Amino acid sequence: MPLIYKYTVTVTETIKPSPTAMMLQSILIVVTAFMALELIMNIVDSIMKNKEDNKKAERQEKNEKIYHY
């Protein structure tokens, strides 16, 4: 039959992270947010450029058809 130990733990002081760790974490969050924003802007820019290129290609095809006939 195993022995069961009953014990209580009292916590007297709260654990606070060091200010440098908090500062580094906030800097990391800001940098990550800017990188995500830049990535989203690049994706939107490439989508818009792709639409413009498609419109130019359609115009080119129409012009070639007009000149061909």
PDB file of N, CA and C in Angstrom:
ATOM      1  N   MET A   1       0.851  -1.195   0.000  1.00  0.00           N
ATOM      2  CA  MET A   1       0.000   0.000   0.000  1.00  0.00           C
ATOM      3  C   MET A   1       0.889   1.248   0.000  1.00  0.00           C
ATOM      4  N   PRO A   2       0.732   2.125  -1.050  1.00  0.00           N
ATOM      5  CA  PRO A   2       1.635   3.296  -1.135  1.00  0.00           C
ATOM      6  C   PRO A   2       1.298   4.353  -0.095  1.00  0.00           C
ATOM      7  N   LEU A   3       2.330   5.081   0.288  1.00  0.00           N
ATOM      8  CA  LEU A   3       2.149   6.172   1.234  1.00  0.00           C
ATOM      9  C   LEU A   3       1.730   7.438   0.481  1.00  0.00           C
ATOM     10  N   ILE A   4       0.792   8.163   1.026  1.00  0.00           N
ATOM     11  CA  ILE A   4       0.319   9.416   0.427  1.00  0.00           C
ATOM     12  C   ILE A   4       0.796  10.559   1.304  1.00  0.00           C
ATOM     13  N   TYR A   5       1.557  11.483   0.682  1.00  0.00           N
ATOM     14  CA  TYR A   5       2.060  12.635   1.419  1.00  0.00           C
ATOM     15  C   TYR A   5       1.164  13.830   1.143  1.00  0.00           C
ATOM     16  N   LYS A   6       0.761  14.485   2.187  1.00  0.00           N
ATOM     17  CA  LYS A   6      -0.069  15.670   2.046  1.00  0.00           C
ATOM     18  C   LYS A   6       0.775  16.871   2.453  1.00  0.00           C
ATOM     19  N   TYR A   7       0.887  17.855   1.525  1.00  0.00           N
ATOM     20  CA  TYR A   7       1.702  19.027   1.841  1.00  0.00           C
ATOM     21  C   TYR A   7       1.074  20.266   1.238  1.00  0.00           C
ATOM     22  N   THR A   8       1.354  21.402   1.841  1.00  0.00           N
ATOM     23  CA  THR A   8       0.850  22.674   1.324  1.00  0.00           C
ATOM     24  C   THR A   8       2.040  23.560   0.988  1.00  0.00           C
ATOM     25  N   VAL A   9       1.882  24.326  -0.103  1.00  0.00           N
ATOM     26  CA  VAL A   9       2.929  25.240  -0.537  1.00  0.00           C
ATOM     27  C   VAL A   9       2.360  26.652  -0.472  1.00  0.00           C
ATOM     28  N   THR A  10       3.076  27.529   0.198  1.00  0.00           N
ATOM     29  CA  THR A  10       2.646  28.930   0.238  1.00  0.00           C
ATOM     30  C   THR A  10       3.607  29.768  -0.594  1.00  0.00           C
ATOM     31  N   VAL A  11       3.038  30.570  -1.479  1.00  0.00           N
ATOM     32  CA  VAL A  11       3.839  31.444  -2.334  1.00  0.00           C
ATOM     33  C   VAL A  11       3.782  32.838  -1.738  1.00  0.00           C
ATOM     34  N   THR A  12       4.949  33.364  -1.431  1.00  0.00           N
ATOM     35  CA  THR A  12       4.984  34.662  -0.755  1.00  0.00           C
ATOM     36  C   THR A  12       5.336  35.808  -1.702  1.00  0.00           C
ATOM     37  N   GLU A  13       6.063  35.551  -2.792  1.00  0.00           N
ATOM     38  CA  GLU A  13       6.429  36.640  -3.688  1.00  0.00           C
ATOM     39  C   GLU A  13       6.029  36.300  -5.125  1.00  0.00           C
ATOM     40  N   THR A  14       5.627  37.338  -5.843  1.00  0.00           N
ATOM     41  CA  THR A  14       5.226  37.124  -7.230  1.00  0.00           C
ATOM     42  C   THR A  14       6.458  37.200  -8.128  1.00  0.00           C
ATOM     43  N   ILE A  15       6.442  36.391  -9.171  1.00  0.00           N
ATOM     44  CA  ILE A  15       7.567  36.349 -10.103  1.00  0.00           C
ATOM     45  C   ILE A  15       7.306  37.378 -11.201  1.00  0.00           C
ATOM     46  N   LYS A  16       8.189  38.340 -11.330  1.00  0.00           N
ATOM     47  CA  LYS A  16       8.063  39.372 -12.356  1.00  0.00           C
ATOM     48  C   LYS A  16       9.183  39.204 -13.369  1.00  0.00           C
ATOM     49  N   PRO A  17       8.864  39.299 -14.674  1.00  0.00           N
ATOM     50  CA  PRO A  17       9.934  39.233 -15.670  1.00  0.00           C
ATOM     51  C   PRO A  17      10.823  40.471 -15.599  1.00  0.00           C
ATOM     52  N   SER A  18      12.045  40.290 -15.996  1.00  0.00           N
ATOM     53  CA  SER A  18      12.981  41.415 -15.945  1.00  0.00           C
ATOM     54  C   SER A  18      12.584  42.476 -16.967  1.00  0.00           C
ATOM     55  N   PRO A  19      12.882  43.737 -16.689  1.00  0.00           N
ATOM     56  CA  PRO A  19      12.499  44.808 -17.623  1.00  0.00           C
ATOM     57  C   PRO A  19      13.155  44.659 -18.988  1.00  0.00           C
ATOM     58  N   THR A  20      14.399  44.150 -19.021  1.00  0.00           N
ATOM     59  CA  THR A  20      15.056  43.986 -20.329  1.00  0.00           C
ATOM     60  C   THR A  20      14.334  42.938 -21.159  1.00  0.00           C
ATOM     61  N   ALA A  21      13.868  41.870 -20.520  1.00  0.00           N
ATOM     62  CA  ALA A  21      13.140  40.834 -21.257  1.00  0.00           C
ATOM     63  C   ALA A  21      11.838  41.394 -21.807  1.00  0.00           C
ATOM     64  N   MET A  22      11.151  42.195 -20.997  1.00  0.00           N
ATOM     65  CA  MET A  22       9.898  42.802 -21.464  1.00  0.00           C
ATOM     66  C   MET A  22      10.159  43.762 -22.621  1.00  0.00           C
ATOM     67  N   MET A  23      11.245  44.529 -22.535  1.00  0.00           N
ATOM     68  CA  MET A  23      11.575  45.470 -23.596  1.00  0.00           C
ATOM     69  C   MET A  23      11.903  44.718 -24.892  1.00  0.00           C
ATOM     70  N   LEU A  24      12.709  43.658 -24.780  1.00  0.00           N
ATOM     71  CA  LEU A  24      13.050  42.876 -25.971  1.00  0.00           C
ATOM     72  C   LEU A  24      11.808  42.245 -26.582  1.00  0.00           C
ATOM     73  N   GLN A  25      10.904  41.787 -25.732  1.00  0.00           N
ATOM     74  CA  GLN A  25       9.677  41.181 -26.243  1.00  0.00           C
ATOM     75  C   GLN A  25       8.834  42.207 -26.994  1.00  0.00           C
ATOM     76  N   SER A  26       8.732  43.416 -26.451  1.00  0.00           N
ATOM     77  CA  SER A  26       7.937  44.444 -27.136  1.00  0.00           C
ATOM     78  C   SER A  26       8.585  44.843 -28.456  1.00  0.00           C
ATOM     79  N   ILE A  27       9.925  44.931 -28.479  1.00  0.00           N
ATOM     80  CA  ILE A  27      10.623  45.242 -29.734  1.00  0.00           C
ATOM     81  C   ILE A  27      10.377  44.140 -30.757  1.00  0.00           C
ATOM     82  N   LEU A  28      10.437  42.901 -30.302  1.00  0.00           N
ATOM     83  CA  LEU A  28      10.210  41.763 -31.200  1.00  0.00           C
ATOM     84  C   LEU A  28       8.792  41.787 -31.765  1.00  0.00           C
ATOM     85  N   ILE A  29       7.819  42.136 -30.931  1.00  0.00           N
ATOM     86  CA  ILE A  29       6.429  42.210 -31.396  1.00  0.00           C
ATOM     87  C   ILE A  29       6.279  43.299 -32.454  1.00  0.00           C
ATOM     88  N   VAL A  30       6.906  44.458 -32.214  1.00  0.00           N
ATOM     89  CA  VAL A  30       6.809  45.568 -33.174  1.00  0.00           C
ATOM     90  C   VAL A  30       7.460  45.181 -34.501  1.00  0.00           C
ATOM     91  N   VAL A  31       8.639  44.574 -34.431  1.00  0.00           N
ATOM     92  CA  VAL A  31       9.341  44.166 -35.656  1.00  0.00           C
ATOM     93  C   VAL A  31       8.519  43.137 -36.424  1.00  0.00           C
ATOM     94  N   THR A  32       7.952  42.180 -35.709  1.00  0.00           N
ATOM     95  CA  THR A  32       7.132  41.159 -36.366  1.00  0.00           C
ATOM     96  C   THR A  32       5.907  41.782 -37.022  1.00  0.00           C
ATOM     97  N   ALA A  33       5.296  42.759 -36.351  1.00  0.00           N
ATOM     98  CA  ALA A  33       4.123  43.420 -36.923  1.00  0.00           C
ATOM     99  C   ALA A  33       4.499  44.166 -38.206  1.00  0.00           C
ATOM    100  N   PHE A  34       5.638  44.863 -38.188  1.00  0.00           N
ATOM    101  CA  PHE A  34       6.061  45.572 -39.402  1.00  0.00           C
ATOM    102  C   PHE A  34       6.378  44.598 -40.535  1.00  0.00           C
ATOM    103  N   MET A  35       6.995  43.469 -40.202  1.00  0.00           N
ATOM    104  CA  MET A  35       7.301  42.487 -41.245  1.00  0.00           C
ATOM    105  C   MET A  35       6.016  41.915 -41.841  1.00  0.00           C
ATOM    106  N   ALA A  36       5.032  41.646 -41.001  1.00  0.00           N
ATOM    107  CA  ALA A  36       3.755  41.129 -41.497  1.00  0.00           C
ATOM    108  C   ALA A  36       3.067  42.165 -42.379  1.00  0.00           C
ATOM    109  N   LEU A  37       3.111  43.434 -41.954  1.00  0.00           N
ATOM    110  CA  LEU A  37       2.501  44.511 -42.743  1.00  0.00           C
ATOM    111  C   LEU A  37       3.184  44.637 -44.107  1.00  0.00           C
ATOM    112  N   GLU A  38       4.522  44.550 -44.117  1.00  0.00           N
ATOM    113  CA  GLU A  38       5.258  44.641 -45.374  1.00  0.00           C
ATOM    114  C   GLU A  38       4.924  43.473 -46.292  1.00  0.00           C
ATOM    115  N   LEU A  39       4.779  42.289 -45.702  1.00  0.00           N
ATOM    116  CA  LEU A  39       4.426  41.112 -46.494  1.00  0.00           C
ATOM    117  C   LEU A  39       3.047  41.280 -47.126  1.00  0.00           C
ATOM    118  N   ILE A  40       2.082  41.775 -46.344  1.00  0.00           N
ATOM    119  CA  ILE A  40       0.732  41.985 -46.871  1.00  0.00           C
ATOM    120  C   ILE A  40       0.759  43.035 -47.985  1.00  0.00           C
ATOM    121  N   MET A  41       1.539  44.104 -47.783  1.00  0.00           N
ATOM    122  CA  MET A  41       1.621  45.148 -48.811  1.00  0.00           C
ATOM    123  C   MET A  41       2.253  44.599 -50.095  1.00  0.00           C
ATOM    124  N   ASN A  42       3.278  43.753 -49.961  1.00  0.00           N
ATOM    125  CA  ASN A  42       3.893  43.150 -51.150  1.00  0.00           C
ATOM    126  C   ASN A  42       2.902  42.265 -51.890  1.00  0.00           C
ATOM    127  N   ILE A  43       2.096  41.493 -51.140  1.00  0.00           N
ATOM    128  CA  ILE A  43       1.113  40.616 -51.783  1.00  0.00           C
ATOM    129  C   ILE A  43       0.083  41.450 -52.534  1.00  0.00           C
ATOM    130  N   VAL A  44      -0.422  42.513 -51.897  1.00  0.00           N
ATOM    131  CA  VAL A  44      -1.418  43.378 -52.550  1.00  0.00           C
ATOM    132  C   VAL A  44      -0.812  44.036 -53.783  1.00  0.00           C
ATOM    133  N   ASP A  45       0.435  44.493 -53.666  1.00  0.00           N
ATOM    134  CA  ASP A  45       1.099  45.142 -54.795  1.00  0.00           C
ATOM    135  C   ASP A  45       1.250  44.178 -55.968  1.00  0.00           C
ATOM    136  N   SER A  46       1.642  42.941 -55.676  1.00  0.00           N
ATOM    137  CA  SER A  46       1.813  41.974 -56.767  1.00  0.00           C
ATOM    138  C   SER A  46       0.471  41.634 -57.406  1.00  0.00           C
ATOM    139  N   ILE A  47      -0.591  41.586 -56.611  1.00  0.00           N
ATOM    140  CA  ILE A  47      -1.918  41.312 -57.181  1.00  0.00           C
ATOM    141  C   ILE A  47      -2.336  42.456 -58.102  1.00  0.00           C
ATOM    142  N   MET A  48      -2.137  43.705 -57.650  1.00  0.00           N
ATOM    143  CA  MET A  48      -2.500  44.850 -58.476  1.00  0.00           C
ATOM    144  C   MET A  48      -1.671  44.883 -59.760  1.00  0.00           C
ATOM    145  N   LYS A  49      -0.367  44.589 -59.650  1.00  0.00           N
ATOM    146  CA  LYS A  49       0.496  44.586 -60.830  1.00  0.00           C
ATOM    147  C   LYS A  49       0.060  43.498 -61.799  1.00  0.00           C
ATOM    148  N   ASN A  50      -0.335  42.345 -61.261  1.00  0.00           N
ATOM    149  CA  ASN A  50      -0.798  41.249 -62.110  1.00  0.00           C
ATOM    150  C   ASN A  50      -2.055  41.643 -62.863  1.00  0.00           C
ATOM    151  N   LYS A  51      -2.972  42.361 -62.187  1.00  0.00           N
ATOM    152  CA  LYS A  51      -4.188  42.828 -62.863  1.00  0.00           C
ATOM    153  C   LYS A  51      -3.842  43.806 -63.979  1.00  0.00           C
ATOM    154  N   GLU A  52      -2.898  44.729 -63.703  1.00  0.00           N
ATOM    155  CA  GLU A  52      -2.489  45.694 -64.730  1.00  0.00           C
ATOM    156  C   GLU A  52      -1.859  44.973 -65.923  1.00  0.00           C
ATOM    157  N   ASP A  53      -1.008  43.979 -65.644  1.00  0.00           N
ATOM    158  CA  ASP A  53      -0.373  43.244 -66.734  1.00  0.00           C
ATOM    159  C   ASP A  53      -1.417  42.500 -67.558  1.00  0.00           C
ATOM    160  N   ASN A  54      -2.436  41.940 -66.898  1.00  0.00           N
ATOM    161  CA  ASN A  54      -3.492  41.249 -67.633  1.00  0.00           C
ATOM    162  C   ASN A  54      -4.254  42.217 -68.520  1.00  0.00           C
ATOM    163  N   LYS A  55      -4.548  43.441 -68.006  1.00  0.00           N
ATOM    164  CA  LYS A  55      -5.242  44.439 -68.824  1.00  0.00           C
ATOM    165  C   LYS A  55      -4.391  44.840 -70.024  1.00  0.00           C
ATOM    166  N   LYS A  56      -3.073  45.034 -69.811  1.00  0.00           N
ATOM    167  CA  LYS A  56      -2.185  45.392 -70.921  1.00  0.00           C
ATOM    168  C   LYS A  56      -2.151  44.280 -71.956  1.00  0.00           C
ATOM    169  N   ALA A  57      -2.120  43.024 -71.497  1.00  0.00           N
ATOM    170  CA  ALA A  57      -2.092  41.896 -72.435  1.00  0.00           C
ATOM    171  C   ALA A  57      -3.387  41.836 -73.233  1.00  0.00           C
ATOM    172  N   GLU A  58      -4.529  42.094 -72.572  1.00  0.00           N
ATOM    173  CA  GLU A  58      -5.800  42.097 -73.306  1.00  0.00           C
ATOM    174  C   GLU A  58      -5.824  43.204 -74.348  1.00  0.00           C
ATOM    175  N   ARG A  59      -5.331  44.405 -73.989  1.00  0.00           N
ATOM    176  CA  ARG A  59      -5.282  45.510 -74.954  1.00  0.00           C
ATOM    177  C   ARG A  59      -4.376  45.150 -76.130  1.00  0.00           C
ATOM    178  N   GLN A  60      -3.230  44.532 -75.813  1.00  0.00           N
ATOM    179  CA  GLN A  60      -2.292  44.151 -76.863  1.00  0.00           C
ATOM    180  C   GLN A  60      -2.947  43.159 -77.829  1.00  0.00           C
ATOM    181  N   GLU A  61      -3.691  42.182 -77.255  1.00  0.00           N
ATOM    182  CA  GLU A  61      -4.364  41.209 -78.114  1.00  0.00           C
ATOM    183  C   GLU A  61      -5.400  41.886 -79.000  1.00  0.00           C
ATOM    184  N   LYS A  62      -6.176  42.830 -78.421  1.00  0.00           N
ATOM    185  CA  LYS A  62      -7.172  43.549 -79.220  1.00  0.00           C
ATOM    186  C   LYS A  62      -6.496  44.340 -80.329  1.00  0.00           C
ATOM    187  N   ASN A  63      -5.391  45.014 -80.015  1.00  0.00           N
ATOM    188  CA  ASN A  63      -4.677  45.794 -81.030  1.00  0.00           C
ATOM    189  C   ASN A  63      -4.134  44.890 -82.127  1.00  0.00           C
ATOM    190  N   GLU A  64      -3.596  43.732 -81.756  1.00  0.00           N
ATOM    191  CA  GLU A  64      -3.066  42.816 -82.772  1.00  0.00           C
ATOM    192  C   GLU A  64      -4.186  42.312 -83.672  1.00  0.00           C
ATOM    193  N   LYS A  65      -5.367  42.041 -83.075  1.00  0.00           N
ATOM    194  CA  LYS A  65      -6.490  41.578 -83.894  1.00  0.00           C
ATOM    195  C   LYS A  65      -6.934  42.673 -84.853  1.00  0.00           C
ATOM    196  N   ILE A  66      -6.953  43.917 -84.367  1.00  0.00           N
ATOM    197  CA  ILE A  66      -7.372  45.028 -85.220  1.00  0.00           C
ATOM    198  C   ILE A  66      -6.396  45.187 -86.384  1.00  0.00           C
ATOM    199  N   TYR A  67      -5.092  45.141 -86.106  1.00  0.00           N
ATOM    200  CA  TYR A  67      -4.099  45.311 -87.158  1.00  0.00           C
ATOM    201  C   TYR A  67      -4.063  44.106 -88.088  1.00  0.00           C
ATOM    202  N   HIS A  68      -4.416  42.946 -87.571  1.00  0.00           N
ATOM    203  CA  HIS A  68      -4.325  41.735 -88.380  1.00  0.00           C
ATOM    204  C   HIS A  68      -5.371  41.730 -89.474  1.00  0.00           C
ATOM    205  N   TYR A  69      -6.576  42.247 -89.175  1.00  0.00           N
ATOM    206  CA  TYR A  69      -7.653  42.199 -90.179  1.00  0.00           C
ATOM    207  C   TYR A  69      -7.695  43.430 -91.035  1.00  0.00           C
TER     208      TYR A  69
END
